PDB file of N, CA and C in Angstrom:
ATOM      1  N   MET A   1       1.179  -0.978   0.126  1.00  0.00           N
ATOM      2  CA  MET A   1       0.157   0.037  -0.016  1.00  0.00           C
ATOM      3  C   MET A   1       0.951   1.282  -0.517  1.00  0.00           C
ATOM      4  N   ALA A   2       0.382   1.960  -0.495  1.00  0.00           N
ATOM      5  CA  ALA A   2       1.168   3.360  -1.126  1.00  0.00           C
ATOM      6  C   ALA A   2       1.300   4.179   0.441  1.00  0.00           C
ATOM      7  N   ASP A   3       2.081   4.931   0.327  1.00  0.00           N
ATOM      8  CA  ASP A   3       2.307   6.132   1.578  1.00  0.00           C
ATOM      9  C   ASP A   3       1.256   7.353   0.594  1.00  0.00           C
ATOM     10  N   THR A   4       0.334   7.744   1.542  1.00  0.00           N
ATOM     11  CA  THR A   4      -0.583   9.510   1.196  1.00  0.00           C
ATOM     12  C   THR A   4       0.161  10.277   1.503  1.00  0.00           C
ATOM     13  N   GLU A   5      -0.305  11.357   1.004  1.00  0.00           N
ATOM     14  CA  GLU A   5       0.034  12.848   1.740  1.00  0.00           C
ATOM     15  C   GLU A   5      -0.924  13.321   1.939  1.00  0.00           C
ATOM     16  N   ASN A   6      -1.202  14.155   2.844  1.00  0.00           N
ATOM     17  CA  ASN A   6      -2.413  14.836   3.004  1.00  0.00           C
ATOM     18  C   ASN A   6      -2.143  16.342   1.981  1.00  0.00           C
ATOM     19  N   THR A   7      -2.280  15.943   1.318  1.00  0.00           N
ATOM     20  CA  THR A   7      -2.460  17.685   0.314  1.00  0.00           C
ATOM     21  C   THR A   7      -3.097  18.910   0.362  1.00  0.00           C
ATOM     22  N   GLU A   8      -4.133  18.559   1.671  1.00  0.00           N
ATOM     23  CA  GLU A   8      -4.337  19.809   1.450  1.00  0.00           C
ATOM     24  C   GLU A   8      -3.274  20.787   2.542  1.00  0.00           C
ATOM     25  N   LYS A   9      -3.508  22.221   2.032  1.00  0.00           N
ATOM     26  CA  LYS A   9      -2.337  23.006   2.745  1.00  0.00           C
ATOM     27  C   LYS A   9      -3.497  24.167   3.531  1.00  0.00           C
ATOM     28  N   THR A  10      -2.994  24.163   4.991  1.00  0.00           N
ATOM     29  CA  THR A  10      -3.640  25.436   5.528  1.00  0.00           C
ATOM     30  C   THR A  10      -3.104  26.659   5.515  1.00  0.00           C
ATOM     31  N   PRO A  11      -4.488  27.740   5.139  1.00  0.00           N
ATOM     32  CA  PRO A  11      -4.605  28.424   4.404  1.00  0.00           C
ATOM     33  C   PRO A  11      -3.708  29.987   5.386  1.00  0.00           C
ATOM     34  N   GLU A  12      -2.839  30.676   4.755  1.00  0.00           N
ATOM     35  CA  GLU A  12      -2.056  31.462   5.297  1.00  0.00           C
ATOM     36  C   GLU A  12      -3.094  32.650   6.125  1.00  0.00           C
ATOM     37  N   PRO A  13      -2.647  33.231   6.776  1.00  0.00           N
ATOM     38  CA  PRO A  13      -3.815  34.359   7.682  1.00  0.00           C
ATOM     39  C   PRO A  13      -3.587  35.083   6.398  1.00  0.00           C
ATOM     40  N   THR A  14      -4.820  36.130   5.984  1.00  0.00           N
ATOM     41  CA  THR A  14      -4.347  37.207   4.800  1.00  0.00           C
ATOM     42  C   THR A  14      -4.623  38.501   5.694  1.00  0.00           C
ATOM     43  N   ARG A  15      -4.035  39.687   4.479  1.00  0.00           N
ATOM     44  CA  ARG A  15      -3.208  40.838   4.870  1.00  0.00           C
ATOM     45  C   ARG A  15      -4.735  40.916   6.252  1.00  0.00           C
ATOM     46  N   ARG A  16      -5.957  41.190   6.089  1.00  0.00           N
ATOM     47  CA  ARG A  16      -7.024  41.903   6.666  1.00  0.00           C
ATOM     48  C   ARG A  16      -6.949  41.581   8.208  1.00  0.00           C
ATOM     49  N   GLN A  17      -6.762  40.198   8.132  1.00  0.00           N
ATOM     50  CA  GLN A  17      -6.912  39.252   8.989  1.00  0.00           C
ATOM     51  C   GLN A  17      -5.522  40.014  10.786  1.00  0.00           C
ATOM     52  N   LEU A  18      -4.344  40.011   9.506  1.00  0.00           N
ATOM     53  CA  LEU A  18      -3.101  40.545   9.893  1.00  0.00           C
ATOM     54  C   LEU A  18      -3.745  41.761  10.604  1.00  0.00           C
ATOM     55  N   ALA A  19      -3.721  42.524   9.670  1.00  0.00           N
ATOM     56  CA  ALA A  19      -3.675  44.280   9.541  1.00  0.00           C
ATOM     57  C   ALA A  19      -4.678  44.353  10.828  1.00  0.00           C
ATOM     58  N   ALA A  20      -6.038  43.814  11.440  1.00  0.00           N
ATOM     59  CA  ALA A  20      -7.183  43.351  12.153  1.00  0.00           C
ATOM     60  C   ALA A  20      -6.046  42.919  13.926  1.00  0.00           C
ATOM     61  N   ALA A  21      -5.565  42.316  13.957  1.00  0.00           N
ATOM     62  CA  ALA A  21      -4.358  41.920  15.040  1.00  0.00           C
ATOM     63  C   ALA A  21      -3.527  42.735  15.025  1.00  0.00           C
ATOM     64  N   ARG A  22      -2.204  43.430  14.573  1.00  0.00           N
ATOM     65  CA  ARG A  22      -1.387  44.355  14.403  1.00  0.00           C
ATOM     66  C   ARG A  22      -2.455  45.235  15.236  1.00  0.00           C
ATOM     67  N   GLN A  23      -3.362  45.643  14.791  1.00  0.00           N
ATOM     68  CA  GLN A  23      -4.137  46.997  15.287  1.00  0.00           C
ATOM     69  C   GLN A  23      -4.251  46.653  16.335  1.00  0.00           C
ATOM     70  N   PHE A  24      -4.913  45.822  17.002  1.00  0.00           N
ATOM     71  CA  PHE A  24      -5.829  45.404  18.110  1.00  0.00           C
ATOM     72  C   PHE A  24      -4.825  45.293  18.982  1.00  0.00           C
ATOM     73  N   VAL A  25      -3.300  45.100  18.840  1.00  0.00           N
ATOM     74  CA  VAL A  25      -2.168  44.962  19.656  1.00  0.00           C
ATOM     75  C   VAL A  25      -1.711  46.210  20.002  1.00  0.00           C
ATOM     76  N   THR A  26      -2.539  46.860  18.496  1.00  0.00           N
ATOM     77  CA  THR A  26      -1.453  49.013  18.986  1.00  0.00           C
ATOM     78  C   THR A  26      -2.624  49.551  19.508  1.00  0.00           C
ATOM     79  N   GLN A  27      -3.531  49.223  19.570  1.00  0.00           N
ATOM     80  CA  GLN A  27      -4.936  49.634  20.232  1.00  0.00           C
ATOM     81  C   GLN A  27      -4.983  49.684  21.857  1.00  0.00           C
ATOM     82  N   HIS A  28      -4.550  48.346  22.112  1.00  0.00           N
ATOM     83  CA  HIS A  28      -5.151  47.890  24.080  1.00  0.00           C
ATOM     84  C   HIS A  28      -3.447  47.077  24.008  1.00  0.00           C
ATOM     85  N   GLY A  29      -2.735  47.673  23.794  1.00  0.00           N
ATOM     86  CA  GLY A  29      -1.207  47.505  24.924  1.00  0.00           C
ATOM     87  C   GLY A  29      -0.791  46.526  24.390  1.00  0.00           C
ATOM     88  N   LYS A  30       0.696  46.294  24.785  1.00  0.00           N
ATOM     89  CA  LYS A  30       1.870  45.016  24.302  1.00  0.00           C
ATOM     90  C   LYS A  30       1.935  44.388  25.572  1.00  0.00           C
ATOM     91  N   PRO A  31       2.074  43.300  25.960  1.00  0.00           N
ATOM     92  CA  PRO A  31       1.870  42.312  24.907  1.00  0.00           C
ATOM     93  C   PRO A  31       0.141  41.979  25.270  1.00  0.00           C
ATOM     94  N   SER A  32      -0.175  41.411  23.926  1.00  0.00           N
ATOM     95  CA  SER A  32      -1.375  40.997  23.976  1.00  0.00           C
ATOM     96  C   SER A  32      -1.744  39.670  23.762  1.00  0.00           C
ATOM     97  N   ARG A  33      -2.909  38.993  23.923  1.00  0.00           N
ATOM     98  CA  ARG A  33      -2.842  37.502  24.316  1.00  0.00           C
ATOM     99  C   ARG A  33      -3.902  37.129  23.319  1.00  0.00           C
ATOM    100  N   ALA A  34      -3.437  36.470  22.994  1.00  0.00           N
ATOM    101  CA  ALA A  34      -4.630  35.226  21.559  1.00  0.00           C
ATOM    102  C   ALA A  34      -4.809  34.216  21.735  1.00  0.00           C
ATOM    103  N   VAL A  35      -6.165  33.469  22.578  1.00  0.00           N
ATOM    104  CA  VAL A  35      -6.291  32.206  22.118  1.00  0.00           C
ATOM    105  C   VAL A  35      -7.202  31.094  20.784  1.00  0.00           C
ATOM    106  N   VAL A  36      -6.921  30.679  20.069  1.00  0.00           N
ATOM    107  CA  VAL A  36      -7.231  29.960  19.290  1.00  0.00           C
ATOM    108  C   VAL A  36      -8.438  29.173  19.526  1.00  0.00           C
ATOM    109  N   GLU A  37      -9.744  29.383  19.037  1.00  0.00           N
ATOM    110  CA  GLU A  37     -10.867  28.915  19.665  1.00  0.00           C
ATOM    111  C   GLU A  37     -11.199  28.149  17.598  1.00  0.00           C
ATOM    112  N   PRO A  38     -11.199  26.308  18.139  1.00  0.00           N
ATOM    113  CA  PRO A  38     -11.361  25.923  16.868  1.00  0.00           C
ATOM    114  C   PRO A  38     -13.553  26.220  16.632  1.00  0.00           C
ATOM    115  N   ILE A  39     -13.967  26.671  15.565  1.00  0.00           N
ATOM    116  CA  ILE A  39     -15.351  27.170  15.393  1.00  0.00           C
ATOM    117  C   ILE A  39     -15.573  25.425  14.700  1.00  0.00           C
ATOM    118  N   GLY A  40     -15.749  24.666  14.748  1.00  0.00           N
ATOM    119  CA  GLY A  40     -15.795  23.455  13.414  1.00  0.00           C
ATOM    120  C   GLY A  40     -15.681  23.577  12.314  1.00  0.00           C
ATOM    121  N   ARG A  41     -16.568  23.622  11.404  1.00  0.00           N
ATOM    122  CA  ARG A  41     -16.683  23.633   9.893  1.00  0.00           C
ATOM    123  C   ARG A  41     -16.197  25.017   9.626  1.00  0.00           C
ATOM    124  N   GLY A  42     -16.866  26.007  10.279  1.00  0.00           N
ATOM    125  CA  GLY A  42     -16.303  27.592   9.974  1.00  0.00           C
ATOM    126  C   GLY A  42     -15.198  27.753  10.166  1.00  0.00           C
ATOM    127  N   GLY A  43     -14.516  27.232  10.814  1.00  0.00           N
ATOM    128  CA  GLY A  43     -12.654  27.155  11.053  1.00  0.00           C
ATOM    129  C   GLY A  43     -12.283  27.910  12.523  1.00  0.00           C
ATOM    130  N   ALA A  44     -12.408  28.718  12.614  1.00  0.00           N
ATOM    131  CA  ALA A  44     -11.659  29.462  13.919  1.00  0.00           C
ATOM    132  C   ALA A  44     -11.474  30.944  14.471  1.00  0.00           C
ATOM    133  N   ARG A  45     -11.322  30.836  15.642  1.00  0.00           N
ATOM    134  CA  ARG A  45     -12.021  31.765  16.517  1.00  0.00           C
ATOM    135  C   ARG A  45     -10.226  32.325  17.345  1.00  0.00           C
ATOM    136  N   VAL A  46     -10.117  33.545  16.672  1.00  0.00           N
ATOM    137  CA  VAL A  46      -8.409  33.835  17.246  1.00  0.00           C
ATOM    138  C   VAL A  46      -9.136  35.474  18.399  1.00  0.00           C
ATOM    139  N   VAL A  47      -8.990  34.656  20.011  1.00  0.00           N
ATOM    140  CA  VAL A  47      -9.927  35.683  21.101  1.00  0.00           C
ATOM    141  C   VAL A  47      -8.577  35.887  21.054  1.00  0.00           C
ATOM    142  N   LEU A  48      -8.737  37.777  21.171  1.00  0.00           N
ATOM    143  CA  LEU A  48      -7.241  39.133  21.423  1.00  0.00           C
ATOM    144  C   LEU A  48      -7.853  39.391  23.107  1.00  0.00           C
ATOM    145  N   VAL A  49      -6.458  39.819  23.478  1.00  0.00           N
ATOM    146  CA  VAL A  49      -7.445  39.958  24.724  1.00  0.00           C
ATOM    147  C   VAL A  49      -6.139  41.328  24.948  1.00  0.00           C
ATOM    148  N   GLY A  50      -6.751  42.320  25.144  1.00  0.00           N
ATOM    149  CA  GLY A  50      -5.403  43.092  25.501  1.00  0.00           C
ATOM    150  C   GLY A  50      -4.362  43.407  26.579  1.00  0.00           C
ATOM    151  N   LYS A  51      -3.927  43.925  26.341  1.00  0.00           N
ATOM    152  CA  LYS A  51      -2.740  44.372  27.686  1.00  0.00           C
ATOM    153  C   LYS A  51      -3.866  45.438  28.967  1.00  0.00           C
ATOM    154  N   ASP A  52      -4.604  46.451  28.186  1.00  0.00           N
ATOM    155  CA  ASP A  52      -6.080  46.669  29.050  1.00  0.00           C
ATOM    156  C   ASP A  52      -7.227  46.703  29.107  1.00  0.00           C
ATOM    157  N   GLY A  53      -7.160  45.049  29.140  1.00  0.00           N
ATOM    158  CA  GLY A  53      -8.277  43.798  29.566  1.00  0.00           C
ATOM    159  C   GLY A  53      -9.731  44.559  28.110  1.00  0.00           C
ATOM    160  N   ALA A  54      -8.968  44.551  26.812  1.00  0.00           N
ATOM    161  CA  ALA A  54     -10.545  44.163  25.738  1.00  0.00           C
ATOM    162  C   ALA A  54      -9.935  42.791  25.236  1.00  0.00           C
ATOM    163  N   LEU A  55     -11.937  42.535  24.606  1.00  0.00           N
ATOM    164  CA  LEU A  55     -11.695  41.999  24.007  1.00  0.00           C
ATOM    165  C   LEU A  55     -11.573  42.004  22.586  1.00  0.00           C
ATOM    166  N   GLY A  56     -11.804  41.107  22.377  1.00  0.00           N
ATOM    167  CA  GLY A  56     -11.108  40.841  20.005  1.00  0.00           C
ATOM    168  C   GLY A  56     -11.050  40.151  19.355  1.00  0.00           C
ATOM    169  N   ASP A  57     -11.907  40.017  18.349  1.00  0.00           N
ATOM    170  CA  ASP A  57     -11.192  38.426  17.838  1.00  0.00           C
ATOM    171  C   ASP A  57     -11.773  38.889  16.330  1.00  0.00           C
ATOM    172  N   VAL A  58     -10.916  37.799  15.453  1.00  0.00           N
ATOM    173  CA  VAL A  58     -10.837  37.317  14.249  1.00  0.00           C
ATOM    174  C   VAL A  58     -10.788  36.031  13.993  1.00  0.00           C
ATOM    175  N   LEU A  59     -11.812  36.211  12.630  1.00  0.00           N
ATOM    176  CA  LEU A  59     -12.226  34.770  12.322  1.00  0.00           C
ATOM    177  C   LEU A  59     -11.260  34.389  11.213  1.00  0.00           C
ATOM    178  N   VAL A  60     -10.647  32.769  10.964  1.00  0.00           N
ATOM    179  CA  VAL A  60     -10.090  32.680  10.569  1.00  0.00           C
ATOM    180  C   VAL A  60     -10.518  30.915  10.073  1.00  0.00           C
ATOM    181  N   PRO A  61      -9.992  30.405   8.670  1.00  0.00           N
ATOM    182  CA  PRO A  61     -10.409  29.635   8.249  1.00  0.00           C
ATOM    183  C   PRO A  61      -9.839  27.771   8.517  1.00  0.00           C
ATOM    184  N   ALA A  62      -9.079  28.113   9.524  1.00  0.00           N
ATOM    185  CA  ALA A  62      -8.293  26.666  10.440  1.00  0.00           C
ATOM    186  C   ALA A  62      -8.110  27.041  11.580  1.00  0.00           C
ATOM    187  N   PRO A  63      -7.550  26.426  12.215  1.00  0.00           N
ATOM    188  CA  PRO A  63      -6.769  26.045  13.467  1.00  0.00           C
ATOM    189  C   PRO A  63      -5.466  26.602  13.509  1.00  0.00           C
ATOM    190  N   ALA A  64      -4.700  25.970  12.700  1.00  0.00           N
ATOM    191  CA  ALA A  64      -3.519  26.428  12.074  1.00  0.00           C
ATOM    192  C   ALA A  64      -3.607  27.815  11.567  1.00  0.00           C
ATOM    193  N   THR A  65      -3.972  28.867  10.717  1.00  0.00           N
ATOM    194  CA  THR A  65      -4.356  29.417  10.704  1.00  0.00           C
ATOM    195  C   THR A  65      -4.289  30.701  11.431  1.00  0.00           C
ATOM    196  N   GLY A  66      -4.862  30.094  12.512  1.00  0.00           N
ATOM    197  CA  GLY A  66      -4.846  31.241  13.476  1.00  0.00           C
ATOM    198  C   GLY A  66      -3.848  30.813  14.785  1.00  0.00           C
ATOM    199  N   GLU A  67      -2.749  29.999  14.452  1.00  0.00           N
ATOM    200  CA  GLU A  67      -1.834  30.134  15.006  1.00  0.00           C
ATOM    201  C   GLU A  67      -0.706  30.493  14.319  1.00  0.00           C
ATOM    202  N   ALA A  68      -0.532  30.941  13.221  1.00  0.00           N
ATOM    203  CA  ALA A  68       0.398  31.385  12.007  1.00  0.00           C
ATOM    204  C   ALA A  68       0.019  32.218  12.300  1.00  0.00           C
ATOM    205  N   LEU A  69      -1.208  33.036  12.414  1.00  0.00           N
ATOM    206  CA  LEU A  69      -1.870  34.502  12.782  1.00  0.00           C
ATOM    207  C   LEU A  69      -1.645  35.152  13.499  1.00  0.00           C
ATOM    208  N   VAL A  70      -0.987  34.361  15.239  1.00  0.00           N
ATOM    209  CA  VAL A  70      -0.472  35.160  16.484  1.00  0.00           C
ATOM    210  C   VAL A  70       1.077  34.701  16.277  1.00  0.00           C
ATOM    211  N   ALA A  71       1.821  34.008  15.272  1.00  0.00           N
ATOM    212  CA  ALA A  71       3.122  33.678  15.211  1.00  0.00           C
ATOM    213  C   ALA A  71       3.430  34.840  14.562  1.00  0.00           C
ATOM    214  N   ALA A  72       2.545  35.433  13.603  1.00  0.00           N
ATOM    215  CA  ALA A  72       3.339  36.552  12.143  1.00  0.00           C
ATOM    216  C   ALA A  72       3.113  38.050  13.256  1.00  0.00           C
ATOM    217  N   VAL A  73       2.235  37.939  14.445  1.00  0.00           N
ATOM    218  CA  VAL A  73       1.995  39.269  15.144  1.00  0.00           C
ATOM    219  C   VAL A  73       3.421  39.685  15.929  1.00  0.00           C
ATOM    220  N   ASP A  74       3.958  40.993  15.957  1.00  0.00           N
ATOM    221  CA  ASP A  74       4.835  41.331  17.136  1.00  0.00           C
ATOM    222  C   ASP A  74       4.234  40.987  18.468  1.00  0.00           C
ATOM    223  N   GLU A  75       4.232  40.834  19.560  1.00  0.00           N
ATOM    224  CA  GLU A  75       3.824  41.380  20.565  1.00  0.00           C
ATOM    225  C   GLU A  75       2.638  40.823  20.811  1.00  0.00           C
ATOM    226  N   LEU A  76       2.213  39.261  20.836  1.00  0.00           N
ATOM    227  CA  LEU A  76       0.909  38.675  20.356  1.00  0.00           C
ATOM    228  C   LEU A  76       1.343  37.014  20.618  1.00  0.00           C
ATOM    229  N   GLU A  77       1.431  37.334  22.148  1.00  0.00           N
ATOM    230  CA  GLU A  77       1.450  35.768  22.791  1.00  0.00           C
ATOM    231  C   GLU A  77      -0.220  34.818  22.222  1.00  0.00           C
ATOM    232  N   LEU A  78       0.401  33.899  22.038  1.00  0.00           N
ATOM    233  CA  LEU A  78      -0.629  32.556  21.795  1.00  0.00           C
ATOM    234  C   LEU A  78      -0.789  31.910  23.877  1.00  0.00           C
ATOM    235  N   SER A  79      -2.026  31.755  24.127  1.00  0.00           N
ATOM    236  CA  SER A  79      -2.388  31.432  25.481  1.00  0.00           C
ATOM    237  C   SER A  79      -3.575  30.638  24.840  1.00  0.00           C
ATOM    238  N   SER A  80      -4.251  30.344  26.943  1.00  0.00           N
ATOM    239  CA  SER A  80      -5.188  29.164  25.930  1.00  0.00           C
ATOM    240  C   SER A  80      -5.873  30.725  27.497  1.00  0.00           C
ATOM    241  N   TRP A  81      -7.473  29.300  27.746  1.00  0.00           N
ATOM    242  CA  TRP A  81      -8.251  29.910  29.160  1.00  0.00           C
ATOM    243  C   TRP A  81      -7.683  29.951  30.400  1.00  0.00           C
ATOM    244  N   ASP A  82      -5.677  29.933  31.126  1.00  0.00           N
ATOM    245  CA  ASP A  82      -5.479  30.126  31.807  1.00  0.00           C
ATOM    246  C   ASP A  82      -6.234  31.012  32.927  1.00  0.00           C
ATOM    247  N   ALA A  83      -6.009  30.688  34.633  1.00  0.00           N
ATOM    248  CA  ALA A  83      -6.110  32.382  35.095  1.00  0.00           C
ATOM    249  C   ALA A  83      -6.007  33.486  34.964  1.00  0.00           C
ATOM    250  N   ASP A  84      -4.504  33.766  34.177  1.00  0.00           N
ATOM    251  CA  ASP A  84      -4.044  34.767  33.537  1.00  0.00           C
ATOM    252  C   ASP A  84      -4.814  35.272  33.086  1.00  0.00           C
ATOM    253  N   THR A  85      -5.250  34.736  31.914  1.00  0.00           N
ATOM    254  CA  THR A  85      -6.184  34.887  30.626  1.00  0.00           C
ATOM    255  C   THR A  85      -6.820  35.390  31.440  1.00  0.00           C
ATOM    256  N   VAL A  86      -7.649  34.861  31.864  1.00  0.00           N
ATOM    257  CA  VAL A  86      -9.182  35.799  32.525  1.00  0.00           C
ATOM    258  C   VAL A  86      -9.583  35.620  32.749  1.00  0.00           C
ATOM    259  N   ASN A  87      -7.775  36.400  34.147  1.00  0.00           N
ATOM    260  CA  ASN A  87      -8.190  37.580  34.646  1.00  0.00           C
ATOM    261  C   ASN A  87      -7.679  38.593  33.899  1.00  0.00           C
ATOM    262  N   ALA A  88      -6.907  38.319  32.829  1.00  0.00           N
ATOM    263  CA  ALA A  88      -6.916  39.793  32.411  1.00  0.00           C
ATOM    264  C   ALA A  88      -7.624  40.501  31.576  1.00  0.00           C
ATOM    265  N   THR A  89      -8.612  39.772  31.506  1.00  0.00           N
ATOM    266  CA  THR A  89     -10.479  40.250  30.485  1.00  0.00           C
ATOM    267  C   THR A  89     -10.844  42.011  31.187  1.00  0.00           C
ATOM    268  N   GLU A  90     -11.274  42.530  30.930  1.00  0.00           N
ATOM    269  CA  GLU A  90     -12.268  43.518  31.118  1.00  0.00           C
ATOM    270  C   GLU A  90     -13.342  43.381  30.564  1.00  0.00           C
ATOM    271  N   ILE A  91     -14.651  42.812  31.103  1.00  0.00           N
ATOM    272  CA  ILE A  91     -15.534  43.177  30.313  1.00  0.00           C
ATOM    273  C   ILE A  91     -16.578  43.899  30.416  1.00  0.00           C
ATOM    274  N   GLY A  92     -16.502  45.252  30.226  1.00  0.00           N
ATOM    275  CA  GLY A  92     -17.771  46.559  30.783  1.00  0.00           C
ATOM    276  C   GLY A  92     -19.110  46.293  30.158  1.00  0.00           C
ATOM    277  N   ALA A  93     -19.424  47.147  30.866  1.00  0.00           N
ATOM    278  CA  ALA A  93     -20.964  47.011  30.257  1.00  0.00           C
ATOM    279  C   ALA A  93     -21.806  47.120  29.213  1.00  0.00           C
ATOM    280  N   ARG A  94     -21.346  47.573  28.385  1.00  0.00           N
ATOM    281  CA  ARG A  94     -21.571  47.312  26.707  1.00  0.00           C
ATOM    282  C   ARG A  94     -21.137  46.180  25.838  1.00  0.00           C
ATOM    283  N   HIS A  95     -20.205  45.449  26.189  1.00  0.00           N
ATOM    284  CA  HIS A  95     -19.825  44.083  25.862  1.00  0.00           C
ATOM    285  C   HIS A  95     -21.036  43.193  26.239  1.00  0.00           C
ATOM    286  N   ARG A  96     -20.937  43.194  27.466  1.00  0.00           N
ATOM    287  CA  ARG A  96     -22.245  42.689  28.602  1.00  0.00           C
ATOM    288  C   ARG A  96     -23.744  42.278  27.498  1.00  0.00           C
ATOM    289  N   ARG A  97     -23.684  43.688  27.191  1.00  0.00           N
ATOM    290  CA  ARG A  97     -25.212  44.076  26.686  1.00  0.00           C
ATOM    291  C   ARG A  97     -25.231  43.082  24.763  1.00  0.00           C
ATOM    292  N   ARG A  98     -23.729  43.928  24.532  1.00  0.00           N
ATOM    293  CA  ARG A  98     -23.699  43.111  23.292  1.00  0.00           C
ATOM    294  C   ARG A  98     -24.107  41.656  23.194  1.00  0.00           C
ATOM    295  N   MET A  99     -23.083  40.847  24.140  1.00  0.00           N
ATOM    296  CA  MET A  99     -23.499  39.476  24.261  1.00  0.00           C
ATOM    297  C   MET A  99     -24.555  38.414  24.352  1.00  0.00           C
ATOM    298  N   ALA A 100     -25.691  39.209  25.591  1.00  0.00           N
ATOM    299  CA  ALA A 100     -27.008  39.614  25.484  1.00  0.00           C
ATOM    300  C   ALA A 100     -28.180  39.778  25.126  1.00  0.00           C
ATOM    301  N   ALA A 101     -27.187  40.736  23.606  1.00  0.00           N
ATOM    302  CA  ALA A 101     -28.720  41.202  23.424  1.00  0.00           C
ATOM    303  C   ALA A 101     -29.556  40.266  22.198  1.00  0.00           C
ATOM    304  N   SER A 102     -29.252  38.483  21.945  1.00  0.00           N
ATOM    305  CA  SER A 102     -29.579  37.574  21.699  1.00  0.00           C
ATOM    306  C   SER A 102     -31.579  37.465  22.227  1.00  0.00           C
ATOM    307  N   TRP A 103     -30.393  37.408  23.699  1.00  0.00           N
ATOM    308  CA  TRP A 103     -30.970  36.279  24.672  1.00  0.00           C
ATOM    309  C   TRP A 103     -32.591  37.478  24.883  1.00  0.00           C
ATOM    310  N   THR A 104     -32.168  38.644  25.191  1.00  0.00           N
ATOM    311  CA  THR A 104     -33.208  39.765  25.520  1.00  0.00           C
ATOM    312  C   THR A 104     -34.385  40.485  24.668  1.00  0.00           C
ATOM    313  N   ARG A 105     -33.918  39.589  22.950  1.00  0.00           N
ATOM    314  CA  ARG A 105     -35.011  39.963  21.806  1.00  0.00           C
ATOM    315  C   ARG A 105     -36.245  39.242  21.628  1.00  0.00           C
ATOM    316  N   ALA A 106     -37.458  38.745  22.004  1.00  0.00           N
ATOM    317  CA  ALA A 106     -38.110  38.371  21.540  1.00  0.00           C
ATOM    318  C   ALA A 106     -38.393  37.807  20.454  1.00  0.00           C
TER     319      ALA A 106
END
């Protein structure tokens, strides 16, 4: 039986995705953290946590693309939802309302 190679190549982050992550780091402090979360067929969500506690995200087509995005952006560190990362977030009232909006609509 012949060996088969996986011919699927992980897409590289786009210029737009890189620009969004770099802008987040510039606006919210260095170093910032990034948690790559798989979201099924949709790819992955790179959740950004700024030094000031702000949250942001960038959607990418695959978890490996998210990891490549983090590696390509200076002052962005790959992280997980450990106690340090969770405690670094500052979720304000506006963000809480936005997250709850779908539950408040009848």
